[in-house]
Amino acid sequence: MKTGDLVVVASPGATVLFFITDPGKTHWIKPGKPALIVDMGYMVTGNVSIKKFKILLDGELWWASENQLDLLDKQ
């Protein structure tokens, strides 16, 4: 997955964390909802690095983990 890819939420009840202006806010979405990847980064916790994607979803920017998303062309 890379910037500009269309994706869908992969797992049922996946939580997409809003990380831009309110780190404590979460957004529950249904699987299969389309989103656009606009940026990518990593969250580091201890020695673990987790790839995160900033996605445009429901008109807002959210951060999601790689395992929460599938490329749209895989559907």
N, C-alpha and C. Protein backbone atom coordinates (compact mmCIF):
# COMPACT_ATOMS: atom_id res chain seq x y z
N MET A 1 0.85 -1.19 0.00
CA MET A 1 0.00 0.00 0.00
C MET A 1 0.89 1.24 0.00
N LYS A 2 0.40 2.26 -0.72
CA LYS A 2 1.16 3.49 -0.83
C LYS A 2 0.20 4.68 -0.96
N THR A 3 0.75 5.88 -0.84
CA THR A 3 -0.03 7.10 -0.99
C THR A 3 -0.76 7.09 -2.33
N GLY A 4 -2.05 7.44 -2.31
CA GLY A 4 -2.86 7.48 -3.51
C GLY A 4 -3.67 6.22 -3.75
N ASP A 5 -3.37 5.14 -3.03
CA ASP A 5 -4.13 3.90 -3.18
C ASP A 5 -5.51 4.03 -2.56
N LEU A 6 -6.49 3.41 -3.22
CA LEU A 6 -7.83 3.28 -2.64
C LEU A 6 -7.86 2.00 -1.84
N VAL A 7 -8.40 2.07 -0.64
CA VAL A 7 -8.46 0.92 0.25
C VAL A 7 -9.87 0.78 0.82
N VAL A 8 -10.13 -0.35 1.43
CA VAL A 8 -11.36 -0.56 2.18
C VAL A 8 -11.00 -1.07 3.56
N VAL A 9 -11.87 -0.79 4.51
CA VAL A 9 -11.66 -1.31 5.86
C VAL A 9 -11.83 -2.82 5.81
N ALA A 10 -10.85 -3.54 6.35
CA ALA A 10 -10.80 -4.98 6.19
C ALA A 10 -11.50 -5.77 7.29
N SER A 11 -11.31 -5.38 8.53
CA SER A 11 -11.81 -6.21 9.62
C SER A 11 -13.09 -5.66 10.21
N PRO A 12 -14.04 -6.54 10.56
CA PRO A 12 -15.31 -6.09 11.14
C PRO A 12 -15.07 -5.32 12.44
N GLY A 13 -15.73 -4.18 12.57
CA GLY A 13 -15.60 -3.39 13.79
C GLY A 13 -14.24 -2.76 13.96
N ALA A 14 -13.48 -2.61 12.88
CA ALA A 14 -12.14 -2.03 12.99
C ALA A 14 -12.23 -0.62 13.55
N THR A 15 -11.29 -0.27 14.38
CA THR A 15 -11.22 1.07 14.94
C THR A 15 -10.18 1.86 14.17
N VAL A 16 -10.56 3.00 13.65
CA VAL A 16 -9.63 3.89 12.99
C VAL A 16 -9.40 5.05 13.95
N LEU A 17 -8.17 5.26 14.37
CA LEU A 17 -7.89 6.29 15.37
C LEU A 17 -7.68 7.65 14.73
N PHE A 18 -8.43 8.64 15.22
CA PHE A 18 -8.26 10.02 14.79
C PHE A 18 -7.07 10.57 15.55
N PHE A 19 -6.01 10.93 14.86
CA PHE A 19 -4.75 11.26 15.50
C PHE A 19 -4.27 12.66 15.17
N ILE A 20 -5.03 13.41 14.37
CA ILE A 20 -4.55 14.70 13.90
C ILE A 20 -4.72 15.79 14.96
N THR A 21 -5.93 16.00 15.46
CA THR A 21 -6.14 17.07 16.44
C THR A 21 -6.68 16.56 17.76
N ASP A 22 -7.15 15.31 17.81
CA ASP A 22 -7.73 14.77 19.03
C ASP A 22 -7.31 13.31 19.18
N PRO A 23 -6.14 13.03 19.78
CA PRO A 23 -5.63 11.67 19.87
C PRO A 23 -6.57 10.69 20.59
N GLY A 24 -7.48 11.16 21.41
CA GLY A 24 -8.35 10.27 22.16
C GLY A 24 -9.62 9.87 21.44
N LYS A 25 -9.86 10.41 20.26
CA LYS A 25 -11.10 10.17 19.52
C LYS A 25 -10.98 8.93 18.65
N THR A 26 -12.00 8.09 18.65
CA THR A 26 -12.03 6.92 17.76
C THR A 26 -13.27 6.98 16.89
N HIS A 27 -13.22 6.25 15.80
CA HIS A 27 -14.33 6.25 14.84
C HIS A 27 -14.59 4.80 14.43
N TRP A 28 -15.77 4.29 14.73
CA TRP A 28 -16.13 2.92 14.35
C TRP A 28 -16.75 2.95 12.98
N ILE A 29 -16.24 2.10 12.09
CA ILE A 29 -16.76 2.05 10.73
C ILE A 29 -17.04 0.62 10.33
N LYS A 30 -17.93 0.45 9.35
CA LYS A 30 -18.28 -0.89 8.87
C LYS A 30 -17.24 -1.38 7.88
N PRO A 31 -16.98 -2.69 7.85
CA PRO A 31 -16.03 -3.22 6.87
C PRO A 31 -16.52 -2.96 5.45
N GLY A 32 -15.56 -2.76 4.53
CA GLY A 32 -15.90 -2.53 3.14
C GLY A 32 -16.02 -1.07 2.76
N LYS A 33 -15.92 -0.17 3.72
CA LYS A 33 -16.03 1.27 3.43
C LYS A 33 -14.75 1.76 2.76
N PRO A 34 -14.87 2.47 1.62
CA PRO A 34 -13.68 2.92 0.89
C PRO A 34 -13.01 4.12 1.55
N ALA A 35 -11.70 4.21 1.36
CA ALA A 35 -10.90 5.32 1.87
C ALA A 35 -9.71 5.53 0.93
N LEU A 36 -9.07 6.68 1.03
CA LEU A 36 -7.92 7.03 0.21
C LEU A 36 -6.71 7.23 1.12
N ILE A 37 -5.59 6.57 0.80
CA ILE A 37 -4.37 6.76 1.58
C ILE A 37 -3.73 8.08 1.16
N VAL A 38 -3.50 8.97 2.14
CA VAL A 38 -2.90 10.27 1.85
C VAL A 38 -1.49 10.42 2.42
N ASP A 39 -1.11 9.55 3.35
CA ASP A 39 0.23 9.61 3.94
C ASP A 39 0.50 8.31 4.67
N MET A 40 1.76 8.11 5.04
CA MET A 40 2.16 6.91 5.75
C MET A 40 3.19 7.28 6.80
N GLY A 41 3.20 6.52 7.89
CA GLY A 41 4.18 6.76 8.94
C GLY A 41 4.33 5.52 9.80
N TYR A 42 5.07 5.65 10.88
CA TYR A 42 5.29 4.53 11.79
C TYR A 42 5.03 4.98 13.21
N MET A 43 4.44 4.10 14.01
CA MET A 43 4.27 4.31 15.43
C MET A 43 5.27 3.37 16.11
N VAL A 44 6.14 3.93 16.94
CA VAL A 44 7.15 3.12 17.61
C VAL A 44 6.80 3.00 19.09
N THR A 45 6.70 1.76 19.55
CA THR A 45 6.44 1.47 20.95
C THR A 45 7.53 0.51 21.42
N GLY A 46 8.43 0.99 22.26
CA GLY A 46 9.55 0.16 22.67
C GLY A 46 10.40 -0.18 21.46
N ASN A 47 10.58 -1.48 21.21
CA ASN A 47 11.36 -1.95 20.06
C ASN A 47 10.48 -2.31 18.87
N VAL A 48 9.18 -2.05 18.96
CA VAL A 48 8.24 -2.44 17.90
C VAL A 48 7.86 -1.23 17.07
N SER A 49 7.95 -1.37 15.75
CA SER A 49 7.56 -0.32 14.83
C SER A 49 6.34 -0.80 14.04
N ILE A 50 5.24 -0.04 14.10
CA ILE A 50 4.00 -0.42 13.43
C ILE A 50 3.71 0.57 12.31
N LYS A 51 3.53 0.05 11.09
CA LYS A 51 3.22 0.91 9.94
C LYS A 51 1.79 1.42 10.08
N LYS A 52 1.62 2.74 9.91
CA LYS A 52 0.31 3.38 9.98
C LYS A 52 0.05 4.15 8.70
N PHE A 53 -1.22 4.25 8.33
CA PHE A 53 -1.61 4.99 7.14
C PHE A 53 -2.60 6.08 7.52
N LYS A 54 -2.36 7.30 7.01
CA LYS A 54 -3.32 8.38 7.16
C LYS A 54 -4.29 8.24 6.00
N ILE A 55 -5.57 8.09 6.31
CA ILE A 55 -6.58 7.88 5.27
C ILE A 55 -7.64 8.98 5.32
N LEU A 56 -8.19 9.26 4.15
CA LEU A 56 -9.32 10.17 4.06
C LEU A 56 -10.58 9.31 4.07
N LEU A 57 -11.37 9.46 5.12
CA LEU A 57 -12.55 8.63 5.34
C LEU A 57 -13.66 9.49 5.91
N ASP A 58 -14.82 9.44 5.32
CA ASP A 58 -15.96 10.24 5.80
C ASP A 58 -15.62 11.73 5.88
N GLY A 59 -14.78 12.21 4.96
CA GLY A 59 -14.44 13.63 4.90
C GLY A 59 -13.45 14.10 5.95
N GLU A 60 -12.85 13.16 6.70
CA GLU A 60 -11.87 13.51 7.73
C GLU A 60 -10.63 12.64 7.57
N LEU A 61 -9.51 13.10 8.14
CA LEU A 61 -8.29 12.32 8.12
C LEU A 61 -8.18 11.50 9.39
N TRP A 62 -7.82 10.21 9.22
CA TRP A 62 -7.70 9.27 10.32
C TRP A 62 -6.42 8.45 10.14
N TRP A 63 -5.90 7.91 11.23
CA TRP A 63 -4.77 6.98 11.15
C TRP A 63 -5.30 5.57 11.33
N ALA A 64 -4.84 4.64 10.50
CA ALA A 64 -5.25 3.23 10.57
C ALA A 64 -4.02 2.35 10.45
N SER A 65 -4.06 1.20 11.10
CA SER A 65 -2.99 0.22 10.99
C SER A 65 -3.12 -0.54 9.67
N GLU A 66 -2.00 -1.05 9.19
CA GLU A 66 -1.97 -1.77 7.93
C GLU A 66 -2.92 -2.96 7.92
N ASN A 67 -3.05 -3.65 9.06
CA ASN A 67 -3.90 -4.84 9.11
C ASN A 67 -5.40 -4.50 9.12
N GLN A 68 -5.76 -3.23 9.20
CA GLN A 68 -7.17 -2.82 9.16
C GLN A 68 -7.63 -2.51 7.74
N LEU A 69 -6.71 -2.50 6.78
CA LEU A 69 -7.02 -2.05 5.43
C LEU A 69 -6.67 -3.11 4.39
N ASP A 70 -7.45 -3.14 3.31
CA ASP A 70 -7.16 -3.97 2.14
C ASP A 70 -7.20 -3.06 0.92
N LEU A 71 -6.32 -3.33 -0.04
CA LEU A 71 -6.37 -2.59 -1.30
C LEU A 71 -7.71 -2.85 -1.98
N LEU A 72 -8.30 -1.82 -2.55
CA LEU A 72 -9.61 -1.94 -3.18
C LEU A 72 -9.58 -2.93 -4.35
N ASP A 73 -8.51 -2.99 -5.11
CA ASP A 73 -8.46 -3.89 -6.26
C ASP A 73 -8.37 -5.36 -5.87
N LYS A 74 -8.17 -5.66 -4.59
CA LYS A 74 -8.15 -7.05 -4.11
C LYS A 74 -9.56 -7.57 -3.87
N GLN A 75 -10.55 -6.67 -3.85
CA GLN A 75 -11.93 -7.06 -3.54
C GLN A 75 -12.56 -7.77 -4.71
